[in-house]
C-alpha atoms as a PDB file:
ATOM      1  CA  MET A   1      72.063 110.812 -87.537  1.00  0.00           C
ATOM      2  CA  LYS A   2      69.009 112.615 -88.812  1.00  0.00           C
ATOM      3  CA  HIS A   3      66.315 112.901 -86.189  1.00  0.00           C
ATOM      4  CA  ILE A   4      62.724 112.358 -87.226  1.00  0.00           C
ATOM      5  CA  CYS A   5      61.458 115.300 -85.221  1.00  0.00           C
ATOM      6  CA  SER A   6      64.073 117.804 -86.369  1.00  0.00           C
ATOM      7  CA  GLU A   7      61.336 120.051 -87.705  1.00  0.00           C
ATOM      8  CA  VAL A   8      60.230 120.638 -84.099  1.00  0.00           C
ATOM      9  CA  ALA A   9      62.431 123.557 -83.137  1.00  0.00           C
ATOM     10  CA  PHE A  10      62.807 124.661 -79.556  1.00  0.00           C
ATOM     11  CA  PRO A  11      63.464 128.415 -79.522  1.00  0.00           C
ATOM     12  CA  ALA A  12      65.507 129.986 -76.759  1.00  0.00           C
ATOM     13  CA  LYS A  13      62.431 131.907 -75.647  1.00  0.00           C
ATOM     14  CA  LEU A  14      59.395 129.701 -75.193  1.00  0.00           C
ATOM     15  CA  HIS A  15      56.018 130.919 -76.332  1.00  0.00           C
ATOM     16  CA  PHE A  16      52.999 129.156 -74.960  1.00  0.00           C
ATOM     17  CA  HIS A  17      50.089 128.345 -77.222  1.00  0.00           C
ATOM     18  CA  VAL A  18      46.765 126.736 -76.586  1.00  0.00           C
ATOM     19  CA  VAL A  19      46.645 123.241 -78.048  1.00  0.00           C
ATOM     20  CA  ASN A  20      43.961 120.621 -78.090  1.00  0.00           C
ATOM     21  CA  ALA A  21      44.406 117.189 -76.501  1.00  0.00           C
ATOM     22  CA  GLU A  22      45.139 115.433 -79.791  1.00  0.00           C
ATOM     23  CA  MET A  23      47.864 117.907 -80.723  1.00  0.00           C
ATOM     24  CA  ALA A  24      49.399 117.642 -77.257  1.00  0.00           C
ATOM     25  CA  LEU A  25      49.488 113.849 -77.537  1.00  0.00           C
ATOM     26  CA  ASP A  26      51.102 114.045 -80.977  1.00  0.00           C
ATOM     27  CA  LEU A  27      53.743 116.488 -79.710  1.00  0.00           C
ATOM     28  CA  ALA A  28      54.435 114.336 -76.652  1.00  0.00           C
ATOM     29  CA  PHE A  29      55.080 111.271 -78.820  1.00  0.00           C
ATOM     30  CA  ALA A  30      57.252 113.333 -81.188  1.00  0.00           C
ATOM     31  CA  ILE A  31      59.390 114.611 -78.309  1.00  0.00           C
ATOM     32  CA  LEU A  32      59.643 111.118 -76.813  1.00  0.00           C
ATOM     33  CA  CYS A  33      60.848 109.699 -80.135  1.00  0.00           C
ATOM     34  CA  GLU A  34      63.378 112.524 -80.473  1.00  0.00           C
ATOM     35  CA  LEU A  35      64.714 111.815 -76.983  1.00  0.00           C
ATOM     36  CA  LEU A  36      64.952 108.069 -77.692  1.00  0.00           C
ATOM     37  CA  GLN A  37      67.132 108.884 -80.693  1.00  0.00           C
ATOM     38  CA  GLN A  38      69.313 111.314 -78.772  1.00  0.00           C
ATOM     39  CA  TRP A  39      69.822 108.751 -76.000  1.00  0.00           C
ATOM     40  CA  GLU A  40      70.415 106.023 -78.618  1.00  0.00           C
ATOM     41  CA  GLN A  41      67.692 103.890 -77.045  1.00  0.00           C
ATOM     42  CA  THR A  42      65.406 103.431 -80.029  1.00  0.00           C
ATOM     43  CA  GLY A  43      65.311  99.630 -79.743  1.00  0.00           C
ATOM     44  CA  ALA A  44      64.276  99.646 -76.089  1.00  0.00           C
ATOM     45  CA  GLY A  45      61.930 102.554 -76.793  1.00  0.00           C
ATOM     46  CA  VAL A  46      60.142 100.680 -79.576  1.00  0.00           C
ATOM     47  CA  VAL A  47      59.638  97.710 -77.242  1.00  0.00           C
ATOM     48  CA  LEU A  48      58.169  99.942 -74.529  1.00  0.00           C
ATOM     49  CA  LEU A  49      55.954 101.844 -76.960  1.00  0.00           C
ATOM     50  CA  LEU A  50      54.607  98.559 -78.325  1.00  0.00           C
ATOM     51  CA  GLU A  51      53.892  97.384 -74.790  1.00  0.00           C
ATOM     52  CA  TRP A  52      52.119 100.674 -74.155  1.00  0.00           C
ATOM     53  CA  LEU A  53      50.157 100.220 -77.359  1.00  0.00           C
ATOM     54  CA  LEU A  54      48.974  96.807 -76.194  1.00  0.00           C
ATOM     55  CA  GLU A  55      48.260  97.992 -72.651  1.00  0.00           C
ATOM     56  CA  LYS A  56      48.797  94.618 -71.027  1.00  0.00           C
ATOM     57  CA  GLU A  57      46.736  95.622 -67.998  1.00  0.00           C
ATOM     58  CA  ASP A  58      43.692  96.161 -70.224  1.00  0.00           C
ATOM     59  CA  LEU A  59      44.171  92.724 -71.764  1.00  0.00           C
ATOM     60  CA  LYS A  60      44.028  91.098 -68.343  1.00  0.00           C
ATOM     61  CA  GLU A  61      40.748  92.920 -67.769  1.00  0.00           C
ATOM     62  CA  LEU A  62      39.392  91.420 -70.983  1.00  0.00           C
ATOM     63  CA  GLU A  63      40.030  87.944 -69.651  1.00  0.00           C
ATOM     64  CA  THR A  64      38.070  88.639 -66.486  1.00  0.00           C
ATOM     65  CA  ALA A  65      35.430  90.620 -68.400  1.00  0.00           C
ATOM     66  CA  THR A  66      35.410  93.428 -65.849  1.00  0.00           C
ATOM     67  CA  MET A  67      35.698  96.029 -68.614  1.00  0.00           C
ATOM     68  CA  VAL A  68      36.346  99.015 -66.346  1.00  0.00           C
ATOM     69  CA  GLY A  69      38.355 101.838 -67.932  1.00  0.00           C
ATOM     70  CA  ASN A  70      39.016 104.921 -65.826  1.00  0.00           C
ATOM     71  CA  ASP A  71      42.541 105.547 -67.097  1.00  0.00           C
ATOM     72  CA  ASN A  72      41.606 107.924 -69.895  1.00  0.00           C
ATOM     73  CA  LEU A  73      43.662 111.070 -70.230  1.00  0.00           C
ATOM     74  CA  PHE A  74      40.511 113.148 -70.510  1.00  0.00           C
ATOM     75  CA  ASP A  75      37.566 111.397 -68.900  1.00  0.00           C
ATOM     76  CA  LYS A  76      34.446 111.881 -70.963  1.00  0.00           C
ATOM     77  CA  GLY A  77      32.420 108.984 -69.670  1.00  0.00           C
ATOM     78  CA  GLU A  78      31.780 105.624 -71.286  1.00  0.00           C
ATOM     79  CA  VAL A  79      30.083 107.066 -74.360  1.00  0.00           C
ATOM     80  CA  ASN A  80      33.057 108.904 -75.847  1.00  0.00           C
ATOM     81  CA  PHE A  81      36.091 107.011 -74.537  1.00  0.00           C
ATOM     82  CA  TRP A  82      36.669 105.276 -77.894  1.00  0.00           C
ATOM     83  CA  ALA A  83      37.688 108.464 -79.711  1.00  0.00           C
ATOM     84  CA  GLU A  84      40.567 109.139 -77.325  1.00  0.00           C
ATOM     85  CA  GLU A  85      41.702 105.530 -77.388  1.00  0.00           C
ATOM     86  CA  LEU A  86      41.726 105.377 -81.183  1.00  0.00           C
ATOM     87  CA  THR A  87      43.549 108.721 -81.317  1.00  0.00           C
ATOM     88  CA  LYS A  88      46.254 107.332 -79.050  1.00  0.00           C
ATOM     89  CA  VAL A  89      46.536 104.204 -81.216  1.00  0.00           C
ATOM     90  CA  TYR A  90      46.760 106.351 -84.357  1.00  0.00           C
ATOM     91  CA  HIS A  91      49.522 108.579 -82.949  1.00  0.00           C
ATOM     92  CA  LEU A  92      51.509 105.664 -81.507  1.00  0.00           C
ATOM     93  CA  ASN A  93      51.319 103.933 -84.886  1.00  0.00           C
ATOM     94  CA  LYS A  94      52.394 107.101 -86.702  1.00  0.00           C
ATOM     95  CA  HIS A  95      55.401 107.728 -84.475  1.00  0.00           C
ATOM     96  CA  LEU A  96      56.453 104.073 -84.331  1.00  0.00           C
ATOM     97  CA  LEU A  97      56.460 103.967 -88.139  1.00  0.00           C
ATOM     98  CA  LEU A  98      58.632 107.095 -88.198  1.00  0.00           C
ATOM     99  CA  LEU A  99      60.979 105.633 -85.584  1.00  0.00           C
ATOM    100  CA  LEU A 100      61.457 102.231 -87.272  1.00  0.00           C
ATOM    101  CA  PRO A 101      63.989 103.311 -89.943  1.00  0.00           C
ATOM    102  CA  VAL A 102      66.412 104.615 -87.295  1.00  0.00           C
ATOM    103  CA  THR A 103      65.839 101.799 -84.793  1.00  0.00           C
ATOM    104  CA  ARG A 104      68.700  99.536 -83.841  1.00  0.00           C
ATOM    105  CA  ILE A 105      67.514  96.304 -82.281  1.00  0.00           C
ATOM    106  CA  THR A 106      69.869  94.626 -79.842  1.00  0.00           C
ATOM    107  CA  PRO A 107      69.689  90.869 -79.219  1.00  0.00           C
ATOM    108  CA  CYS A 108      67.949  91.577 -75.871  1.00  0.00           C
ATOM    109  CA  ASP A 109      65.417  93.809 -77.623  1.00  0.00           C
ATOM    110  CA  GLN A 110      64.901  91.097 -80.250  1.00  0.00           C
ATOM    111  CA  LEU A 111      64.104  88.548 -77.555  1.00  0.00           C
ATOM    112  CA  LYS A 112      61.606  90.942 -75.958  1.00  0.00           C
ATOM    113  CA  LEU A 113      60.030  91.588 -79.356  1.00  0.00           C
ATOM    114  CA  HIS A 114      59.595  87.834 -79.927  1.00  0.00           C
ATOM    115  CA  GLN A 115      57.935  87.515 -76.518  1.00  0.00           C
ATOM    116  CA  LEU A 116      55.735  90.494 -77.310  1.00  0.00           C
ATOM    117  CA  ALA A 117      54.799  88.973 -80.688  1.00  0.00           C
ATOM    118  CA  ARG A 118      53.739  85.715 -79.000  1.00  0.00           C
ATOM    119  CA  PHE A 119      51.754  87.670 -76.418  1.00  0.00           C
ATOM    120  CA  ALA A 120      50.062  89.814 -79.106  1.00  0.00           C
ATOM    121  CA  SER A 121      49.172  86.720 -81.161  1.00  0.00           C
ATOM    122  CA  ASP A 122      47.627  85.056 -78.104  1.00  0.00           C
ATOM    123  CA  GLN A 123      45.685  88.208 -77.303  1.00  0.00           C
ATOM    124  CA  ALA A 124      44.473  88.483 -80.901  1.00  0.00           C
ATOM    125  CA  LYS A 125      42.995  84.992 -80.563  1.00  0.00           C
ATOM    126  CA  LEU A 126      41.417  85.892 -77.202  1.00  0.00           C
ATOM    127  CA  VAL A 127      39.860  89.121 -78.492  1.00  0.00           C
ATOM    128  CA  THR A 128      38.525  87.351 -81.590  1.00  0.00           C
ATOM    129  CA  GLN A 129      36.995  84.674 -79.369  1.00  0.00           C
ATOM    130  CA  LEU A 130      35.429  87.271 -77.038  1.00  0.00           C
ATOM    131  CA  LEU A 131      34.043  89.224 -80.008  1.00  0.00           C
ATOM    132  CA  ASN A 132      32.515  86.046 -81.438  1.00  0.00           C
ATOM    133  CA  GLU A 133      30.918  85.230 -78.066  1.00  0.00           C
ATOM    134  CA  LEU A 134      29.079  88.569 -77.872  1.00  0.00           C
ATOM    135  CA  PRO A 135      25.423  88.397 -78.868  1.00  0.00           C
ATOM    136  CA  PRO A 136      24.655  89.873 -82.291  1.00  0.00           C
ATOM    137  CA  THR A 137      23.323  93.426 -82.095  1.00  0.00           C
ATOM    138  CA  PRO A 138      22.603  96.095 -84.687  1.00  0.00           C
ATOM    139  CA  GLU A 139      25.570  98.340 -85.567  1.00  0.00           C
ATOM    140  CA  PHE A 140      23.966 101.432 -84.031  1.00  0.00           C
ATOM    141  CA  SER A 141      23.436  99.774 -80.641  1.00  0.00           C
ATOM    142  CA  GLN A 142      26.778  98.083 -80.021  1.00  0.00           C
ATOM    143  CA  THR A 143      27.620  97.613 -76.359  1.00  0.00           C
ATOM    144  CA  VAL A 144      30.498  99.201 -74.466  1.00  0.00           C
ATOM    145  CA  GLU A 145      32.096  95.741 -74.233  1.00  0.00           C
ATOM    146  CA  PHE A 146      31.998  95.415 -78.018  1.00  0.00           C
ATOM    147  CA  THR A 147      33.587  98.852 -78.428  1.00  0.00           C
ATOM    148  CA  LYS A 148      36.373  98.038 -75.964  1.00  0.00           C
ATOM    149  CA  LEU A 149      37.078  94.734 -77.684  1.00  0.00           C
ATOM    150  CA  ALA A 150      37.076  96.409 -81.095  1.00  0.00           C
ATOM    151  CA  ILE A 151      39.563  99.023 -79.852  1.00  0.00           C
ATOM    152  CA  GLN A 152      41.745  96.309 -78.351  1.00  0.00           C
ATOM    153  CA  ASN A 153      41.557  94.454 -81.647  1.00  0.00           C
ATOM    154  CA  GLN A 154      42.789  97.613 -83.400  1.00  0.00           C
ATOM    155  CA  ARG A 155      45.660  97.974 -80.886  1.00  0.00           C
ATOM    156  CA  ILE A 156      46.722  94.373 -81.442  1.00  0.00           C
ATOM    157  CA  SER A 157      46.513  94.719 -85.233  1.00  0.00           C
ATOM    158  CA  VAL A 158      48.752  97.812 -85.194  1.00  0.00           C
ATOM    159  CA  CYS A 159      51.205  96.083 -82.838  1.00  0.00           C
ATOM    160  CA  LEU A 160      51.417  92.986 -85.030  1.00  0.00           C
ATOM    161  CA  LYS A 161      51.907  95.166 -88.124  1.00  0.00           C
ATOM    162  CA  ILE A 162      54.816  97.033 -86.465  1.00  0.00           C
ATOM    163  CA  LEU A 163      56.311  93.746 -85.246  1.00  0.00           C
ATOM    164  CA  GLY A 164      56.036  92.383 -88.791  1.00  0.00           C
ATOM    165  CA  LEU A 165      57.876  95.411 -90.162  1.00  0.00           C
ATOM    166  CA  LEU A 166      60.580  95.016 -87.520  1.00  0.00           C
ATOM    167  CA  GLU A 167      60.942  91.338 -88.379  1.00  0.00           C
ATOM    168  CA  ALA A 168      61.184  92.123 -92.094  1.00  0.00           C
ATOM    169  CA  GLY A 169      63.930  94.638 -91.380  1.00  0.00           C
ATOM    170  CA  ASN A 170      65.687  92.176 -89.105  1.00  0.00           C
ATOM    171  CA  ASP A 171      65.564  89.467 -91.812  1.00  0.00           C
ATOM    172  CA  THR A 172      67.249  91.872 -94.226  1.00  0.00           C
ATOM    173  CA  TYR A 173      69.890  92.562 -91.573  1.00  0.00           C
ATOM    174  CA  ARG A 174      70.455  88.825 -91.061  1.00  0.00           C
ATOM    175  CA  LYS A 175      70.778  88.194 -94.806  1.00  0.00           C
ATOM    176  CA  GLN A 176      73.576  90.746 -94.927  1.00  0.00           C
ATOM    177  CA  GLY A 177      75.470  88.529 -92.479  1.00  0.00           C
ATOM    178  CA  LYS A 178      75.512  91.039 -89.668  1.00  0.00           C
ATOM    179  CA  LEU A 179      73.501  89.049 -87.169  1.00  0.00           C
ATOM    180  CA  GLU A 180      74.160  85.461 -86.208  1.00  0.00           C
ATOM    181  CA  ASN A 181      71.929  83.388 -83.982  1.00  0.00           C
ATOM    182  CA  LYS A 182      73.761  80.280 -82.844  1.00  0.00           C
ATOM    183  CA  GLY A 183      72.203  77.371 -80.936  1.00  0.00           C
ATOM    184  CA  GLY A 184      71.528  78.243 -77.306  1.00  0.00           C
ATOM    185  CA  ALA A 185      71.875  81.983 -77.924  1.00  0.00           C
ATOM    186  CA  GLU A 186      68.193  82.612 -77.173  1.00  0.00           C
ATOM    187  CA  ASP A 187      68.488  80.777 -73.842  1.00  0.00           C
ATOM    188  CA  PHE A 188      71.574  82.819 -72.965  1.00  0.00           C
ATOM    189  CA  LEU A 189      69.792  86.049 -73.892  1.00  0.00           C
ATOM    190  CA  ALA A 190      66.757  85.103 -71.845  1.00  0.00           C
ATOM    191  CA  ALA A 191      68.984  84.647 -68.823  1.00  0.00           C
ATOM    192  CA  THR A 192      70.859  87.934 -69.326  1.00  0.00           C
ATOM    193  CA  CYS A 193      68.107  90.312 -70.492  1.00  0.00           C
END
């Protein structure tokens, strides 16, 4: 099995280098994806990374409109939080796309992905509704709430795109006759996963 992060070599003697936050985040995701492959847990890893991408806790905050976000890796105040959030979305997207070709989805993972897809679709509707309810303002004076909703909208869009790619790959797998879904199988999986 070829690992996607094989170009990241770990020499016997470690040399420390100064890296910026974006590079550190990229390297962390690369190492995580490499470990998921080594442990043969790519399916479960993709599910967890997609859940992380959506940040379900943040979505609950959107419903209550409390819009408090102090969980940034590098706290820069409300003005600059969007750059870090979009960077995290970009790197998660990049590494998920690299991980997809080597991902093996189990029936339990498939069930979780379907649940996640339903959740993401519901959240997409909620975010669209909340964005439409905001009062119109000029582009240069958008509120923090608008920015948070726009970032969440980007997260959901990336998640739905990845889920669509996984579904397309799964359809190809089904057409080859390697995956059968008989009546009641989803109920059985829900009880066992």
